[in-house]
Each structure stands twice: as structure tokens, then as C-alpha cells.
Amino acid sequence: MAVYTEVTDDALTAFLGGYDIGTAVAFRGIAEGVENSNYSLRTTTGDFILTLYEKRVDPAELPWFLGLMEHLARRGVVCPQPVRGRDGEALRQLAGRHASVTTFLPGVWPRRVRVEHCGPVGAALATLHLAGADYATSRPNALGPTGWSPLLERSRDRADQVQPGLATALDAALSGILAAWPAGLPVGHIHADMFPDNVFFLNNALSGVIDFYFAATDILAYDVAICLNAWCFEQDFSFNVTKARALLTAYQTIRPLSDAERAALPVLCQGAAIRFLLTRLFDWLNTPDGALVTRKDPLEYLRRLRFHLSARDVHAYGI
């Protein structure tokens, strides 16, 4: 979440006139994240999130994301729900952007990940994977392996400004990852961005998952690899195998990984690390001046990538 597009009071008032959710009481931008403009919205009827879609989101795909959230909620996944306007539409225009209002989920995301967070995250991810199985439509993952080389090319000329030799290191790592990328693993709808700031806890229990705008149809175990990257490294970038074991054990209680999926975890984790390294690198170099956004250091994912490149097999992840 972030704010790139400002919304005036008059524009907000006119926009809310298309809904039956009352009038605005409080409205503020949310700086966390990097993709869309997000606002916390309180009206006379309750709390909501207002999102203006920016950057990598194709407007033609927005109904897919909103439909997926509705589908998952009907199958027991606690996630935001699109609020439809008086005309029945969930997608509208605001300040020159496509926009939507979604329900607000109570809870807070863990600023310091503990082992006890990781089991519920693994269970929630497996539940999401099973719940999405009968969402019939698919969406190719634009930020999957076919998108990584183009991403690198967009940052190559300035990559060494971030760290000398970075472009060469990324070339070598990406070549190896793409050559070893697995085929034939189970595919389904993945969240693809289940980081701590997208998972809420309340009274020590997981209370919901947000931000489905990277969701896609891809290798299910790749989603597991994304979570291992996001949840199982310490602040010094050492890998916490206890957290990984908790996450993987809980996931497999609901959806057991096949032998092939388990064997592929090291390269899937490498791919997840380089994907977030590349998008963070691009954003680090291209975030507009004055944007209310928290930039994220791409080199944090270079440290993670080095661990995964050194992992000999699945035992490095605690199973």
C-alpha cells in the first residue's frame, strides 16, 4: 500500500455519492507498500479501505482480483470484500484512476515475526490454495519467471548504483534459476504477496489476509516459497529453520506437498527471492519524488537469495 494519487475532499464526496456507506468522517493515506494508492476511510457507517490502482495493475484484470476475493470469502477465507455501489458495480473511477472500496479487516500485522505467527500463516496459505481451486478463470503471472529477465533489463543500466557488480550477480543467478525452474508441479491460484504487512492478527490469532493484487495462476509451491522468504529470515538475514518448519508443517497439515514440490523448494525460493529483488530494485530506482511510499531495500533480497543458492536440498528448510 502507498499513496501516489491525491484525492481532494470534493472528489471523495462525489465518489462516495455512488455508494450506500454514508459520508466521510476520516480519511488518510497509508504509506506502507509500493503498488497502489490506498486510503483508510471511515464513514458514518463504518471503516473501509479505498484503493486507487496504479503501476503494474492492468485495469482489465481488476474484476478478476475482486471476483477472487469474493470467491475465497464464500469458502471461508477471511479477506477484504469489494463494496458494490448503488449501480451494483465494484469498480469505479476516482481522480483519473480505477478505484474500489473494500471492507476493513480488524487486526494488526506483526512488526516482529515470531515462530507462533508462522504456523497460522502456513495454514492460511494452504486453505487459500484449496479454496481457490474452483475459481474457474485463470490469470497468468506477469511477475513469474517469464517476467524476470525483462524486469532486470529495465534496471540494468543503473543497478550498479545500488551496489557495484549487482547487474552481473543478477545475470548469473537468474540464468541458473531459469535453467532449473521446475515443470509439472501442481498449479492453482496463488496470493503471490503474502508478506507480514498483508496478514493481520487479533488476540494472537490470524484475523485475515489482504492485498490480492498480485494474485495469479501459478505453481502452488512457489507461493510457499514466497512465504518462506517473507516470514522466515531474521533481521540479520539469517534463515530461521524453526519458523520454516512451523510454516511448512502447518501448510502440509491441510495440503501435503508432493515429493516433487518438496524437492523443488530450493529453486522455487531462489525464484521468489529474485522476483522481489528485481521489483524492489526497479521501484528503488523509479519511485516518484514526493510519493507517500515506503521504499524497500532490494539488497535485503540479495541476502536471502544467497542463502537459497547455498541450500542443497529441502532439509535446509526444516523438513
C-alpha atoms as a PDB file:
ATOM      1  CA  MET A   1       0.000   0.000   0.000  1.00  0.00           C
ATOM      2  CA  ALA A   2       1.104   3.576  -0.700  1.00  0.00           C
ATOM      3  CA  VAL A   3      -0.180   6.904  -1.967  1.00  0.00           C
ATOM      4  CA  TYR A   4       0.767   8.173  -5.418  1.00  0.00           C
ATOM      5  CA  THR A   5      -2.519   9.913  -6.318  1.00  0.00           C
ATOM      6  CA  GLU A   6      -4.023  12.560  -4.055  1.00  0.00           C
ATOM      7  CA  VAL A   7      -7.801  12.686  -3.575  1.00  0.00           C
ATOM      8  CA  THR A   8      -9.441  16.027  -2.818  1.00  0.00           C
ATOM      9  CA  ASP A   9     -12.321  16.403  -0.379  1.00  0.00           C
ATOM     10  CA  ASP A  10     -14.708  17.343  -3.176  1.00  0.00           C
ATOM     11  CA  ALA A  11     -13.674  14.347  -5.300  1.00  0.00           C
ATOM     12  CA  LEU A  12     -14.128  11.994  -2.346  1.00  0.00           C
ATOM     13  CA  THR A  13     -17.577  13.390  -1.552  1.00  0.00           C
ATOM     14  CA  ALA A  14     -18.705  12.933  -5.138  1.00  0.00           C
ATOM     15  CA  PHE A  15     -17.238   9.434  -5.274  1.00  0.00           C
ATOM     16  CA  LEU A  16     -18.985   8.292  -2.084  1.00  0.00           C
ATOM     17  CA  GLY A  17     -22.259   9.556  -3.504  1.00  0.00           C
ATOM     18  CA  GLY A  18     -22.333   6.402  -5.615  1.00  0.00           C
ATOM     19  CA  TYR A  19     -22.407   4.165  -2.516  1.00  0.00           C
ATOM     20  CA  ASP A  20     -24.717   3.483   0.393  1.00  0.00           C
ATOM     21  CA  ILE A  21     -21.962   3.656   3.006  1.00  0.00           C
ATOM     22  CA  GLY A  22     -22.592   7.130   4.416  1.00  0.00           C
ATOM     23  CA  THR A  23     -20.385  10.195   4.317  1.00  0.00           C
ATOM     24  CA  ALA A  24     -16.702  10.541   5.156  1.00  0.00           C
ATOM     25  CA  VAL A  25     -15.709  11.090   8.789  1.00  0.00           C
ATOM     26  CA  ALA A  26     -11.956  10.438   8.492  1.00  0.00           C
ATOM     27  CA  PHE A  27      -9.684   9.868   5.509  1.00  0.00           C
ATOM     28  CA  ARG A  28      -5.912   9.351   5.478  1.00  0.00           C
ATOM     29  CA  GLY A  29      -3.277   7.890   3.196  1.00  0.00           C
ATOM     30  CA  ILE A  30      -1.479   4.649   4.016  1.00  0.00           C
ATOM     31  CA  ALA A  31       2.254   4.785   3.248  1.00  0.00           C
ATOM     32  CA  GLU A  32       3.101   1.090   3.634  1.00  0.00           C
ATOM     33  CA  GLY A  33       3.715  -0.892   0.450  1.00  0.00           C
ATOM     34  CA  VAL A  34       4.640   0.209  -3.056  1.00  0.00           C
ATOM     35  CA  GLU A  35       1.955  -0.652  -5.597  1.00  0.00           C
ATOM     36  CA  ASN A  36      -1.366   1.209  -5.332  1.00  0.00           C
ATOM     37  CA  SER A  37      -2.683   4.344  -3.653  1.00  0.00           C
ATOM     38  CA  ASN A  38      -4.509   3.295  -0.515  1.00  0.00           C
ATOM     39  CA  TYR A  39      -6.532   5.267   1.989  1.00  0.00           C
ATOM     40  CA  SER A  40      -8.072   4.402   5.308  1.00  0.00           C
ATOM     41  CA  LEU A  41     -11.675   5.590   5.094  1.00  0.00           C
ATOM     42  CA  ARG A  42     -14.108   5.976   7.978  1.00  0.00           C
ATOM     43  CA  THR A  43     -17.678   6.906   7.134  1.00  0.00           C
ATOM     44  CA  THR A  44     -20.801   7.348   9.177  1.00  0.00           C
ATOM     45  CA  THR A  45     -21.489   3.621   8.709  1.00  0.00           C
ATOM     46  CA  GLY A  46     -18.046   2.115   9.445  1.00  0.00           C
ATOM     47  CA  ASP A  47     -14.460   1.598   8.315  1.00  0.00           C
ATOM     48  CA  PHE A  48     -13.278   0.811   4.774  1.00  0.00           C
ATOM     49  CA  ILE A  49     -10.206   0.847   2.532  1.00  0.00           C
ATOM     50  CA  LEU A  50     -10.243   2.942  -0.639  1.00  0.00           C
ATOM     51  CA  THR A  51      -7.787   1.815  -3.328  1.00  0.00           C
ATOM     52  CA  LEU A  52      -6.746   3.670  -6.468  1.00  0.00           C
ATOM     53  CA  TYR A  53      -4.992   1.283  -8.852  1.00  0.00           C
ATOM     54  CA  GLU A  54      -1.570   2.334 -10.111  1.00  0.00           C
ATOM     55  CA  LYS A  55       1.512   0.995 -11.808  1.00  0.00           C
ATOM     56  CA  ARG A  56       1.572  -2.750 -12.554  1.00  0.00           C
ATOM     57  CA  VAL A  57      -2.152  -3.466 -12.261  1.00  0.00           C
ATOM     58  CA  ASP A  58      -3.888  -3.847 -15.628  1.00  0.00           C
ATOM     59  CA  PRO A  59      -7.386  -2.316 -15.269  1.00  0.00           C
ATOM     60  CA  ALA A  60      -8.807  -5.107 -17.426  1.00  0.00           C
ATOM     61  CA  GLU A  61      -7.753  -7.612 -14.757  1.00  0.00           C
ATOM     62  CA  LEU A  62      -9.305  -5.820 -11.786  1.00  0.00           C
ATOM     63  CA  PRO A  63     -12.610  -7.743 -11.991  1.00  0.00           C
ATOM     64  CA  TRP A  64     -10.555 -10.963 -11.671  1.00  0.00           C
ATOM     65  CA  PHE A  65      -8.964  -9.820  -8.413  1.00  0.00           C
ATOM     66  CA  LEU A  66     -12.224  -8.571  -6.950  1.00  0.00           C
ATOM     67  CA  GLY A  67     -14.029 -11.747  -8.003  1.00  0.00           C
ATOM     68  CA  LEU A  68     -11.312 -13.901  -6.436  1.00  0.00           C
ATOM     69  CA  MET A  69     -11.732 -12.153  -3.088  1.00  0.00           C
ATOM     70  CA  GLU A  70     -15.483 -12.705  -3.185  1.00  0.00           C
ATOM     71  CA  HIS A  71     -14.966 -16.351  -4.149  1.00  0.00           C
ATOM     72  CA  LEU A  72     -12.456 -17.021  -1.372  1.00  0.00           C
ATOM     73  CA  ALA A  73     -14.656 -15.378   1.251  1.00  0.00           C
ATOM     74  CA  ARG A  74     -17.550 -17.639   0.310  1.00  0.00           C
ATOM     75  CA  ARG A  75     -15.228 -20.579   1.076  1.00  0.00           C
ATOM     76  CA  GLY A  76     -14.113 -19.392   4.469  1.00  0.00           C
ATOM     77  CA  VAL A  77     -11.005 -17.323   3.722  1.00  0.00           C
ATOM     78  CA  VAL A  78     -11.148 -14.082   5.720  1.00  0.00           C
ATOM     79  CA  CYS A  79     -10.192 -11.336   3.282  1.00  0.00           C
ATOM     80  CA  PRO A  80     -11.491  -7.891   2.255  1.00  0.00           C
ATOM     81  CA  GLN A  81     -14.709  -7.804   0.284  1.00  0.00           C
ATOM     82  CA  PRO A  82     -15.441  -5.348  -2.528  1.00  0.00           C
ATOM     83  CA  VAL A  83     -18.221  -2.929  -1.690  1.00  0.00           C
ATOM     84  CA  ARG A  84     -20.577  -2.506  -4.600  1.00  0.00           C
ATOM     85  CA  GLY A  85     -22.114   0.845  -5.422  1.00  0.00           C
ATOM     86  CA  ARG A  86     -25.760   1.641  -5.881  1.00  0.00           C
ATOM     87  CA  ASP A  87     -25.419   0.528  -9.505  1.00  0.00           C
ATOM     88  CA  GLY A  88     -24.087  -2.888  -8.461  1.00  0.00           C
ATOM     89  CA  GLU A  89     -20.566  -2.163  -9.693  1.00  0.00           C
ATOM     90  CA  ALA A  90     -17.489  -2.675  -7.521  1.00  0.00           C
ATOM     91  CA  LEU A  91     -15.078  -0.830  -9.820  1.00  0.00           C
ATOM     92  CA  ARG A  92     -15.350   2.914 -10.365  1.00  0.00           C
ATOM     93  CA  GLN A  93     -13.259   5.971 -11.332  1.00  0.00           C
ATOM     94  CA  LEU A  94     -11.678   8.471  -8.943  1.00  0.00           C
ATOM     95  CA  ALA A  95      -9.026  11.130  -9.607  1.00  0.00           C
ATOM     96  CA  GLY A  96      -8.312   9.665 -13.037  1.00  0.00           C
ATOM     97  CA  ARG A  97      -7.739   6.167 -11.675  1.00  0.00           C
ATOM     98  CA  HIS A  98      -9.762   2.993 -11.417  1.00  0.00           C
ATOM     99  CA  ALA A  99     -10.822   2.679  -7.789  1.00  0.00           C
ATOM    100  CA  SER A 100     -12.685   0.423  -5.390  1.00  0.00           C
ATOM    101  CA  VAL A 101     -13.848   0.363  -1.801  1.00  0.00           C
ATOM    102  CA  THR A 102     -13.324  -2.793   0.247  1.00  0.00           C
ATOM    103  CA  THR A 103     -14.336  -3.806   3.729  1.00  0.00           C
ATOM    104  CA  PHE A 104     -11.927  -3.194   6.602  1.00  0.00           C
ATOM    105  CA  LEU A 105     -10.414  -6.158   8.441  1.00  0.00           C
ATOM    106  CA  PRO A 106      -9.664  -5.783  12.164  1.00  0.00           C
ATOM    107  CA  GLY A 107      -6.239  -6.684  13.462  1.00  0.00           C
ATOM    108  CA  VAL A 108      -2.622  -5.610  13.080  1.00  0.00           C
ATOM    109  CA  TRP A 109       0.233  -7.052  11.067  1.00  0.00           C
ATOM    110  CA  PRO A 110       3.236  -8.377  13.007  1.00  0.00           C
ATOM    111  CA  ARG A 111       6.110  -5.904  13.002  1.00  0.00           C
ATOM    112  CA  ARG A 112       8.339  -8.586  14.517  1.00  0.00           C
ATOM    113  CA  VAL A 113       7.615 -12.075  13.210  1.00  0.00           C
ATOM    114  CA  ARG A 114       7.642 -14.789  15.853  1.00  0.00           C
ATOM    115  CA  VAL A 115       7.544 -18.556  15.438  1.00  0.00           C
ATOM    116  CA  GLU A 116       3.940 -18.612  16.626  1.00  0.00           C
ATOM    117  CA  HIS A 117       2.925 -16.462  13.638  1.00  0.00           C
ATOM    118  CA  CYS A 118       4.350 -18.875  11.089  1.00  0.00           C
ATOM    119  CA  GLY A 119       2.088 -21.880  11.664  1.00  0.00           C
ATOM    120  CA  PRO A 120      -1.125 -19.865  11.186  1.00  0.00           C
ATOM    121  CA  VAL A 121       0.358 -18.321   8.035  1.00  0.00           C
ATOM    122  CA  GLY A 122       1.152 -21.741   6.580  1.00  0.00           C
ATOM    123  CA  ALA A 123      -2.341 -22.993   7.406  1.00  0.00           C
ATOM    124  CA  ALA A 124      -3.969 -19.877   5.918  1.00  0.00           C
ATOM    125  CA  LEU A 125      -1.965 -20.224   2.712  1.00  0.00           C
ATOM    126  CA  ALA A 126      -2.929 -23.877   2.269  1.00  0.00           C
ATOM    127  CA  THR A 127      -6.581 -23.036   2.976  1.00  0.00           C
ATOM    128  CA  LEU A 128      -6.432 -20.279   0.366  1.00  0.00           C
ATOM    129  CA  HIS A 129      -4.940 -22.667  -2.201  1.00  0.00           C
ATOM    130  CA  LEU A 130      -7.698 -25.219  -1.678  1.00  0.00           C
ATOM    131  CA  ALA A 131     -10.460 -22.580  -1.578  1.00  0.00           C
ATOM    132  CA  GLY A 132      -9.337 -21.137  -4.899  1.00  0.00           C
ATOM    133  CA  ALA A 133      -9.363 -24.459  -6.718  1.00  0.00           C
ATOM    134  CA  ASP A 134     -12.844 -23.984  -8.167  1.00  0.00           C
ATOM    135  CA  TYR A 135     -12.419 -20.337  -9.150  1.00  0.00           C
ATOM    136  CA  ALA A 136     -12.600 -21.274 -12.799  1.00  0.00           C
ATOM    137  CA  THR A 137     -10.921 -18.365 -14.528  1.00  0.00           C
ATOM    138  CA  SER A 138      -7.131 -18.103 -14.597  1.00  0.00           C
ATOM    139  CA  ARG A 139      -4.673 -15.208 -14.688  1.00  0.00           C
ATOM    140  CA  PRO A 140      -1.091 -15.696 -15.938  1.00  0.00           C
ATOM    141  CA  ASN A 141       1.553 -14.466 -13.522  1.00  0.00           C
ATOM    142  CA  ALA A 142       3.124 -11.436 -15.204  1.00  0.00           C
ATOM    143  CA  LEU A 143       5.766 -11.395 -12.463  1.00  0.00           C
ATOM    144  CA  GLY A 144       6.597 -15.079 -12.843  1.00  0.00           C
ATOM    145  CA  PRO A 145       9.767 -16.454 -14.487  1.00  0.00           C
ATOM    146  CA  THR A 146       8.979 -15.060 -17.943  1.00  0.00           C
ATOM    147  CA  GLY A 147       8.836 -11.567 -16.469  1.00  0.00           C
ATOM    148  CA  TRP A 148      12.133 -11.600 -14.581  1.00  0.00           C
ATOM    149  CA  SER A 149      14.537 -11.012 -17.477  1.00  0.00           C
ATOM    150  CA  PRO A 150      12.538  -8.014 -18.763  1.00  0.00           C
ATOM    151  CA  LEU A 151      12.488  -6.612 -15.220  1.00  0.00           C
ATOM    152  CA  LEU A 152      16.247  -6.888 -14.988  1.00  0.00           C
ATOM    153  CA  GLU A 153      16.676  -5.165 -18.345  1.00  0.00           C
ATOM    154  CA  ARG A 154      14.627  -2.186 -17.119  1.00  0.00           C
ATOM    155  CA  SER A 155      17.062  -1.633 -14.236  1.00  0.00           C
ATOM    156  CA  ARG A 156      20.330  -2.901 -15.692  1.00  0.00           C
ATOM    157  CA  ASP A 157      21.828   0.499 -16.585  1.00  0.00           C
ATOM    158  CA  ARG A 158      21.556   1.778 -13.005  1.00  0.00           C
ATOM    159  CA  ALA A 159      21.703  -1.440 -10.967  1.00  0.00           C
ATOM    160  CA  ASP A 160      25.340  -0.908 -10.030  1.00  0.00           C
ATOM    161  CA  GLN A 161      24.383   2.412  -8.448  1.00  0.00           C
ATOM    162  CA  VAL A 162      22.681   0.356  -5.760  1.00  0.00           C
ATOM    163  CA  GLN A 163      25.643  -1.979  -5.320  1.00  0.00           C
ATOM    164  CA  PRO A 164      28.725  -2.351  -7.532  1.00  0.00           C
ATOM    165  CA  GLY A 165      28.565  -5.564  -9.560  1.00  0.00           C
ATOM    166  CA  LEU A 166      24.858  -6.083  -8.864  1.00  0.00           C
ATOM    167  CA  ALA A 167      23.843  -6.438 -12.530  1.00  0.00           C
ATOM    168  CA  THR A 168      26.459  -9.131 -13.142  1.00  0.00           C
ATOM    169  CA  ALA A 169      25.454 -11.018  -9.993  1.00  0.00           C
ATOM    170  CA  LEU A 170      21.793 -10.919 -11.006  1.00  0.00           C
ATOM    171  CA  ASP A 171      22.594 -12.132 -14.521  1.00  0.00           C
ATOM    172  CA  ALA A 172      24.402 -15.177 -13.130  1.00  0.00           C
ATOM    173  CA  ALA A 173      21.747 -16.015 -10.559  1.00  0.00           C
ATOM    174  CA  LEU A 174      18.833 -15.556 -12.955  1.00  0.00           C
ATOM    175  CA  SER A 175      20.430 -17.741 -15.612  1.00  0.00           C
ATOM    176  CA  GLY A 176      20.780 -20.615 -13.156  1.00  0.00           C
ATOM    177  CA  ILE A 177      17.292 -20.221 -11.730  1.00  0.00           C
ATOM    178  CA  LEU A 178      15.590 -20.186 -15.122  1.00  0.00           C
ATOM    179  CA  ALA A 179      17.564 -23.228 -16.278  1.00  0.00           C
ATOM    180  CA  ALA A 180      16.487 -25.193 -13.192  1.00  0.00           C
ATOM    181  CA  TRP A 181      12.881 -23.946 -12.985  1.00  0.00           C
ATOM    182  CA  PRO A 182      10.597 -26.970 -12.433  1.00  0.00           C
ATOM    183  CA  ALA A 183       7.818 -28.135 -14.740  1.00  0.00           C
ATOM    184  CA  GLY A 184       4.826 -30.303 -13.971  1.00  0.00           C
ATOM    185  CA  LEU A 185       4.189 -29.153 -10.395  1.00  0.00           C
ATOM    186  CA  PRO A 186       0.606 -28.555  -9.160  1.00  0.00           C
ATOM    187  CA  VAL A 187      -0.788 -25.218 -10.318  1.00  0.00           C
ATOM    188  CA  GLY A 188      -3.586 -23.102  -8.882  1.00  0.00           C
ATOM    189  CA  HIS A 189      -4.450 -19.592  -7.748  1.00  0.00           C
ATOM    190  CA  ILE A 190      -1.753 -18.076  -5.530  1.00  0.00           C
ATOM    191  CA  HIS A 191      -1.693 -14.945  -3.395  1.00  0.00           C
ATOM    192  CA  ALA A 192       1.894 -14.182  -4.515  1.00  0.00           C
ATOM    193  CA  ASP A 193       2.431 -11.396  -1.951  1.00  0.00           C
ATOM    194  CA  MET A 194       1.636 -12.868   1.475  1.00  0.00           C
ATOM    195  CA  PHE A 195       4.110 -10.755   3.405  1.00  0.00           C
ATOM    196  CA  PRO A 196       3.703  -9.860   7.089  1.00  0.00           C
ATOM    197  CA  ASP A 197       2.125  -6.497   6.225  1.00  0.00           C
ATOM    198  CA  ASN A 198      -0.604  -8.340   4.309  1.00  0.00           C
ATOM    199  CA  VAL A 199      -1.572 -10.674   7.171  1.00  0.00           C
ATOM    200  CA  PHE A 200      -3.458  -9.454  10.247  1.00  0.00           C
ATOM    201  CA  PHE A 201      -3.544 -10.934  13.729  1.00  0.00           C
ATOM    202  CA  LEU A 202      -6.021 -10.201  16.508  1.00  0.00           C
ATOM    203  CA  ASN A 203      -5.845 -11.654  20.026  1.00  0.00           C
ATOM    204  CA  ASN A 204      -2.942 -13.874  18.929  1.00  0.00           C
ATOM    205  CA  ALA A 205      -4.968 -15.440  16.106  1.00  0.00           C
ATOM    206  CA  LEU A 206      -4.742 -14.788  12.367  1.00  0.00           C
ATOM    207  CA  SER A 207      -7.665 -12.496  11.571  1.00  0.00           C
ATOM    208  CA  GLY A 208      -7.368 -12.022   7.813  1.00  0.00           C
ATOM    209  CA  VAL A 209      -5.314 -11.727   4.632  1.00  0.00           C
ATOM    210  CA  ILE A 210      -5.311  -8.589   2.472  1.00  0.00           C
ATOM    211  CA  ASP A 211      -3.905  -7.228  -0.814  1.00  0.00           C
ATOM    212  CA  PHE A 212      -4.685  -9.751  -3.534  1.00  0.00           C
ATOM    213  CA  TYR A 213      -3.498  -7.567  -6.424  1.00  0.00           C
ATOM    214  CA  PHE A 214      -0.556  -9.807  -7.292  1.00  0.00           C
ATOM    215  CA  ALA A 215      -2.686 -12.962  -7.179  1.00  0.00           C
ATOM    216  CA  ALA A 216      -2.274 -15.193 -10.229  1.00  0.00           C
ATOM    217  CA  THR A 217      -2.439 -18.739 -11.518  1.00  0.00           C
ATOM    218  CA  ASP A 218       0.943 -20.354 -10.941  1.00  0.00           C
ATOM    219  CA  ILE A 219       2.822 -23.137  -9.128  1.00  0.00           C
ATOM    220  CA  LEU A 220       1.273 -23.520  -5.674  1.00  0.00           C
ATOM    221  CA  ALA A 221       4.595 -24.376  -4.050  1.00  0.00           C
ATOM    222  CA  TYR A 222       6.034 -21.132  -5.431  1.00  0.00           C
ATOM    223  CA  ASP A 223       3.570 -19.337  -3.136  1.00  0.00           C
ATOM    224  CA  VAL A 224       5.007 -21.361  -0.257  1.00  0.00           C
ATOM    225  CA  ALA A 225       8.485 -20.246  -1.312  1.00  0.00           C
ATOM    226  CA  ILE A 226       7.370 -16.597  -1.251  1.00  0.00           C
ATOM    227  CA  CYS A 227       6.184 -17.064   2.336  1.00  0.00           C
ATOM    228  CA  LEU A 228       9.450 -18.728   3.372  1.00  0.00           C
ATOM    229  CA  ASN A 229      11.272 -15.655   2.074  1.00  0.00           C
ATOM    230  CA  ALA A 230       8.889 -13.220   3.734  1.00  0.00           C
ATOM    231  CA  TRP A 231       8.444 -14.855   7.144  1.00  0.00           C
ATOM    232  CA  CYS A 232      11.497 -16.948   7.976  1.00  0.00           C
ATOM    233  CA  PHE A 233      14.509 -14.622   7.878  1.00  0.00           C
ATOM    234  CA  GLU A 234      15.729 -12.705  10.905  1.00  0.00           C
ATOM    235  CA  GLN A 235      16.738  -9.042  10.932  1.00  0.00           C
ATOM    236  CA  ASP A 236      20.351 -10.057  10.289  1.00  0.00           C
ATOM    237  CA  PHE A 237      19.101 -12.098   7.276  1.00  0.00           C
ATOM    238  CA  SER A 238      19.933 -15.435   8.856  1.00  0.00           C
ATOM    239  CA  PHE A 239      17.382 -18.118   7.993  1.00  0.00           C
ATOM    240  CA  ASN A 240      15.282 -19.333  10.936  1.00  0.00           C
ATOM    241  CA  VAL A 241      14.673 -23.016  10.278  1.00  0.00           C
ATOM    242  CA  THR A 242      12.297 -23.250  13.268  1.00  0.00           C
ATOM    243  CA  LYS A 243       9.984 -20.690  11.669  1.00  0.00           C
ATOM    244  CA  ALA A 244      10.223 -22.501   8.334  1.00  0.00           C
ATOM    245  CA  ARG A 245       9.389 -25.836   9.931  1.00  0.00           C
ATOM    246  CA  ALA A 246       6.348 -24.325  11.666  1.00  0.00           C
ATOM    247  CA  LEU A 247       5.096 -22.764   8.424  1.00  0.00           C
ATOM    248  CA  LEU A 248       5.647 -25.879   6.305  1.00  0.00           C
ATOM    249  CA  THR A 249       4.240 -28.288   8.880  1.00  0.00           C
ATOM    250  CA  ALA A 250       1.028 -26.285   9.229  1.00  0.00           C
ATOM    251  CA  TYR A 251       0.703 -25.939   5.455  1.00  0.00           C
ATOM    252  CA  GLN A 252       1.119 -29.677   4.932  1.00  0.00           C
ATOM    253  CA  THR A 253      -1.448 -30.500   7.593  1.00  0.00           C
ATOM    254  CA  ILE A 254      -4.019 -29.016   5.199  1.00  0.00           C
ATOM    255  CA  ARG A 255      -2.375 -29.550   1.799  1.00  0.00           C
ATOM    256  CA  PRO A 256       0.549 -32.012   1.782  1.00  0.00           C
ATOM    257  CA  LEU A 257       3.376 -31.158  -0.597  1.00  0.00           C
ATOM    258  CA  SER A 258       4.309 -33.831  -3.121  1.00  0.00           C
ATOM    259  CA  ASP A 259       7.837 -35.229  -3.247  1.00  0.00           C
ATOM    260  CA  ALA A 260       8.426 -33.209  -6.417  1.00  0.00           C
ATOM    261  CA  GLU A 261       7.250 -29.992  -4.741  1.00  0.00           C
ATOM    262  CA  ARG A 262       9.489 -30.598  -1.747  1.00  0.00           C
ATOM    263  CA  ALA A 263      12.497 -31.307  -3.969  1.00  0.00           C
ATOM    264  CA  ALA A 264      11.865 -28.084  -5.899  1.00  0.00           C
ATOM    265  CA  LEU A 265      11.684 -25.812  -2.844  1.00  0.00           C
ATOM    266  CA  PRO A 266      15.293 -24.506  -3.081  1.00  0.00           C
ATOM    267  CA  VAL A 267      14.936 -23.281  -6.671  1.00  0.00           C
ATOM    268  CA  LEU A 268      11.405 -22.009  -6.017  1.00  0.00           C
ATOM    269  CA  CYS A 269      12.793 -19.999  -3.087  1.00  0.00           C
ATOM    270  CA  GLN A 270      15.572 -18.689  -5.315  1.00  0.00           C
ATOM    271  CA  GLY A 271      12.951 -17.587  -7.833  1.00  0.00           C
ATOM    272  CA  ALA A 272      10.840 -15.903  -5.167  1.00  0.00           C
ATOM    273  CA  ALA A 273      13.888 -14.051  -3.852  1.00  0.00           C
ATOM    274  CA  ILE A 274      14.981 -12.778  -7.257  1.00  0.00           C
ATOM    275  CA  ARG A 275      11.434 -11.745  -8.184  1.00  0.00           C
ATOM    276  CA  PHE A 276      11.168  -9.434  -5.160  1.00  0.00           C
ATOM    277  CA  LEU A 277      14.749  -8.290  -5.559  1.00  0.00           C
ATOM    278  CA  LEU A 278      14.008  -7.199  -9.133  1.00  0.00           C
ATOM    279  CA  THR A 279      10.742  -5.398  -8.404  1.00  0.00           C
ATOM    280  CA  ARG A 280      12.264  -3.674  -5.382  1.00  0.00           C
ATOM    281  CA  LEU A 281      15.268  -2.679  -7.484  1.00  0.00           C
ATOM    282  CA  PHE A 282      13.039  -1.134 -10.141  1.00  0.00           C
ATOM    283  CA  ASP A 283      10.966   0.713  -7.522  1.00  0.00           C
ATOM    284  CA  TRP A 284      14.095   1.867  -5.682  1.00  0.00           C
ATOM    285  CA  LEU A 285      15.345   3.471  -8.881  1.00  0.00           C
ATOM    286  CA  ASN A 286      11.998   4.820 -10.128  1.00  0.00           C
ATOM    287  CA  THR A 287       9.805   5.865  -7.187  1.00  0.00           C
ATOM    288  CA  PRO A 288       8.464   9.370  -7.958  1.00  0.00           C
ATOM    289  CA  ASP A 289       9.742  12.230  -5.812  1.00  0.00           C
ATOM    290  CA  GLY A 290       7.170  13.232  -3.229  1.00  0.00           C
ATOM    291  CA  ALA A 291       5.212   9.968  -3.310  1.00  0.00           C
ATOM    292  CA  LEU A 292       3.880   8.884   0.086  1.00  0.00           C
ATOM    293  CA  VAL A 293       5.503   5.467  -0.117  1.00  0.00           C
ATOM    294  CA  THR A 294       7.930   3.429   1.949  1.00  0.00           C
ATOM    295  CA  ARG A 295      10.690   2.275  -0.399  1.00  0.00           C
ATOM    296  CA  LYS A 296      12.043  -1.203   0.296  1.00  0.00           C
ATOM    297  CA  ASP A 297      15.722  -2.073   0.041  1.00  0.00           C
ATOM    298  CA  PRO A 298      16.355  -4.548  -2.818  1.00  0.00           C
ATOM    299  CA  LEU A 299      19.592  -5.740  -1.226  1.00  0.00           C
ATOM    300  CA  GLU A 300      17.624  -7.402   1.563  1.00  0.00           C
ATOM    301  CA  TYR A 301      16.549  -9.922  -1.061  1.00  0.00           C
ATOM    302  CA  LEU A 302      20.079 -10.356  -2.372  1.00  0.00           C
ATOM    303  CA  ARG A 303      20.973 -11.632   1.112  1.00  0.00           C
ATOM    304  CA  ARG A 304      18.036 -14.039   1.041  1.00  0.00           C
ATOM    305  CA  LEU A 305      18.931 -15.189  -2.468  1.00  0.00           C
ATOM    306  CA  ARG A 306      22.438 -16.096  -1.365  1.00  0.00           C
ATOM    307  CA  PHE A 307      21.035 -18.379   1.328  1.00  0.00           C
ATOM    308  CA  HIS A 308      18.776 -20.182  -1.137  1.00  0.00           C
ATOM    309  CA  LEU A 309      21.594 -20.600  -3.641  1.00  0.00           C
ATOM    310  CA  SER A 310      23.566 -22.353  -0.916  1.00  0.00           C
ATOM    311  CA  ALA A 311      20.695 -24.687   0.097  1.00  0.00           C
ATOM    312  CA  ARG A 312      21.493 -28.213  -1.075  1.00  0.00           C
ATOM    313  CA  ASP A 313      18.019 -29.678  -0.632  1.00  0.00           C
ATOM    314  CA  VAL A 314      14.697 -29.362   1.191  1.00  0.00           C
ATOM    315  CA  HIS A 315      16.320 -30.214   4.532  1.00  0.00           C
ATOM    316  CA  ALA A 316      17.669 -26.657   4.612  1.00  0.00           C
ATOM    317  CA  TYR A 317      14.041 -25.572   5.181  1.00  0.00           C
ATOM    318  CA  GLY A 318      13.394 -27.796   8.174  1.00  0.00           C
ATOM    319  CA  ILE A 319      11.595 -30.736   6.576  1.00  0.00           C
END
